[in-house]
Amino acid sequence: METLIIQGEGEQISTLKAFLATVGISYKTVQEEDTTDYLLSNSTNKTQLLDSIQEAKDGKTRKLGLDDIWK
C-alpha cells in the first residue's frame, strides 16, 4: 500500500474522487488540524507556546540575519 497526499479545491477534489471511484481506488479525506490547536493540546507545549507569545509581547525578542540561522 502507498499513501499519496493531494491538495486541491472544490471541483478538482470532486473530479479526483470520481476518478478514484471509477478505477476502484479507495481514499480517505482528512481535514488539516490547526497547528495552534495541536500545540495547545499538550500541557508542556501549551506552556512553552504561551510563554513565547508573552515574551514576544513584552519585546523580549532578537533579530537574526539569514546567515546566522544555521550557526
Foldseek 3Di string as FASTA:
>chain_A
DDDDDDDDDDPVVVVVVVVCVVVVHDDDDDDDDDPVVVQCVDPVSVVVVVVVVVCVVVVVDDDDDPVRPVD
